[in-house]
């Protein structure tokens, strides 16, 4: 039960982290110019960017859940079980960030979900 809960927390926090870091970076603006004087301005804007900070917090939660999971179970189970994160990120991109998601990306996302289901079933059979 604790493994399932940790996978769920990891997956949801990783997804939220990706979505909110993306939102924060879009608000921050283009960071392609890397002059020392401009880097300081970017850092100042990043420190007060709530979406970016929340995204980083969520990613930290996901990282520590991953560490716990790796101490409890096999990598061959943990990594595929958490593979729903990218699939949920596509959903977050569509509905939270209002991105256009092509049919081929939805199709690929369905394949990811199918693979996670197969891994989950095979881990219970053993």
Protein backbone atom coordinates (compact mmCIF):
# COMPACT_ATOMS: atom_id res chain seq x y z
CA UNK A 1 0.00 0.00 0.00
CA UNK A 2 2.79 2.45 0.86
CA UNK A 3 4.43 1.75 -2.52
CA UNK A 4 1.19 2.49 -4.37
CA UNK A 5 0.70 5.70 -2.38
CA UNK A 6 4.28 6.83 -3.01
CA UNK A 7 3.93 6.12 -6.76
CA UNK A 8 0.73 8.17 -6.79
CA UNK A 9 2.32 11.09 -4.90
CA UNK A 10 5.42 10.94 -7.10
CA UNK A 11 3.41 10.88 -10.32
CA UNK A 12 1.07 13.70 -9.32
CA UNK A 13 3.80 15.91 -7.86
CA UNK A 14 6.06 15.34 -10.87
CA UNK A 15 3.20 16.26 -13.21
CA UNK A 16 2.30 19.35 -11.19
CA UNK A 17 5.98 20.31 -11.06
CA UNK A 18 6.36 20.09 -14.82
CA UNK A 19 3.18 22.06 -15.47
CA UNK A 20 3.94 24.82 -12.96
CA UNK A 21 7.61 25.17 -13.91
CA UNK A 22 6.49 25.55 -17.52
CA UNK A 23 3.88 28.15 -16.55
CA UNK A 24 6.45 30.01 -14.47
CA UNK A 25 9.06 29.97 -17.23
CA UNK A 26 6.55 31.25 -19.79
CA UNK A 27 5.76 34.13 -17.43
CA UNK A 28 9.48 34.71 -16.87
CA UNK A 29 10.12 35.17 -20.57
CA UNK A 30 12.93 34.30 -22.91
CA UNK A 31 16.19 33.33 -21.20
CA UNK A 32 18.26 32.78 -24.32
CA UNK A 33 20.53 35.78 -23.72
CA UNK A 34 23.10 34.86 -21.10
CA UNK A 35 24.96 38.07 -20.36
CA UNK A 36 25.97 38.29 -16.68
CA UNK A 37 23.93 41.44 -16.11
CA UNK A 38 20.81 39.86 -17.56
CA UNK A 39 21.25 36.60 -15.64
CA UNK A 40 20.90 38.53 -12.38
CA UNK A 41 17.61 40.03 -13.61
CA UNK A 42 16.33 36.59 -14.60
CA UNK A 43 17.22 35.21 -11.16
CA UNK A 44 15.44 38.13 -9.46
CA UNK A 45 12.29 37.53 -11.48
CA UNK A 46 12.48 33.77 -10.88
CA UNK A 47 12.72 34.14 -7.09
CA UNK A 48 9.39 35.98 -6.95
CA UNK A 49 7.64 33.81 -9.55
CA UNK A 50 5.06 31.83 -7.55
CA UNK A 51 4.30 29.29 -10.27
CA UNK A 52 8.00 28.54 -10.75
CA UNK A 53 8.63 28.17 -7.02
CA UNK A 54 5.61 25.91 -6.56
CA UNK A 55 6.76 23.79 -9.52
CA UNK A 56 10.22 23.43 -8.01
CA UNK A 57 8.66 22.43 -4.68
CA UNK A 58 6.53 19.78 -6.41
CA UNK A 59 9.58 18.44 -8.24
CA UNK A 60 11.45 18.18 -4.92
CA UNK A 61 8.56 16.18 -3.44
CA UNK A 62 8.66 13.90 -6.49
CA UNK A 63 12.42 13.42 -6.15
CA UNK A 64 12.21 12.41 -2.49
CA UNK A 65 9.33 10.04 -3.24
CA UNK A 66 11.49 8.48 -5.95
CA UNK A 67 14.32 7.99 -3.46
CA UNK A 68 11.94 6.29 -1.03
CA UNK A 69 10.47 4.08 -3.75
CA UNK A 70 13.90 2.97 -4.92
CA UNK A 71 14.72 1.88 -1.39
CA UNK A 72 11.49 -0.16 -1.20
CA UNK A 73 11.15 -1.80 -4.61
CA UNK A 74 13.00 -2.75 -7.79
CA UNK A 75 13.94 -0.15 -10.37
CA UNK A 76 12.33 -2.37 -13.01
CA UNK A 77 8.98 -1.72 -11.28
CA UNK A 78 9.44 1.84 -9.99
CA UNK A 79 10.45 3.54 -13.23
CA UNK A 80 7.70 2.08 -15.42
CA UNK A 81 5.12 2.63 -12.67
CA UNK A 82 5.95 6.31 -12.58
CA UNK A 83 5.83 6.60 -16.37
CA UNK A 84 2.30 7.95 -16.15
CA UNK A 85 3.87 11.29 -15.23
CA UNK A 86 4.63 12.25 -18.84
CA UNK A 87 1.16 11.10 -19.89
CA UNK A 88 -0.47 13.25 -17.20
CA UNK A 89 1.80 16.13 -18.21
CA UNK A 90 0.24 16.02 -21.68
CA UNK A 91 -3.18 16.37 -20.04
CA UNK A 92 -1.85 19.27 -17.94
CA UNK A 93 -0.38 20.91 -21.03
CA UNK A 94 -3.73 20.71 -22.80
CA UNK A 95 -6.06 21.79 -20.02
CA UNK A 96 -3.93 23.90 -17.66
CA UNK A 97 -1.44 25.51 -20.04
CA UNK A 98 -3.94 25.56 -22.95
CA UNK A 99 -1.40 24.08 -25.37
CA UNK A 100 -2.46 22.50 -28.63
CA UNK A 101 -1.81 18.74 -28.43
CA UNK A 102 -1.77 16.87 -31.73
CA UNK A 103 -3.53 13.57 -32.34
CA UNK A 104 -0.20 11.76 -32.64
CA UNK A 105 0.80 12.96 -29.16
CA UNK A 106 -2.51 11.74 -27.73
CA UNK A 107 -1.92 8.42 -29.47
CA UNK A 108 1.59 8.18 -27.98
CA UNK A 109 0.20 9.07 -24.57
CA UNK A 110 -2.27 6.19 -24.82
CA UNK A 111 0.64 3.83 -25.60
CA UNK A 112 2.46 5.03 -22.48
CA UNK A 113 -0.64 4.30 -20.38
CA UNK A 114 -0.96 0.84 -21.94
CA UNK A 115 2.70 0.11 -21.17
CA UNK A 116 2.28 1.19 -17.54
CA UNK A 117 -0.76 -1.08 -17.24
CA UNK A 118 1.19 -4.03 -18.66
CA UNK A 119 4.09 -3.44 -16.26
CA UNK A 120 1.71 -3.19 -13.31
CA UNK A 121 -0.06 -6.43 -14.21
CA UNK A 122 3.20 -8.29 -14.83
CA UNK A 123 4.62 -7.21 -11.47
CA UNK A 124 1.60 -8.71 -9.67
CA UNK A 125 1.79 -12.00 -11.59
CA UNK A 126 5.33 -12.82 -10.42
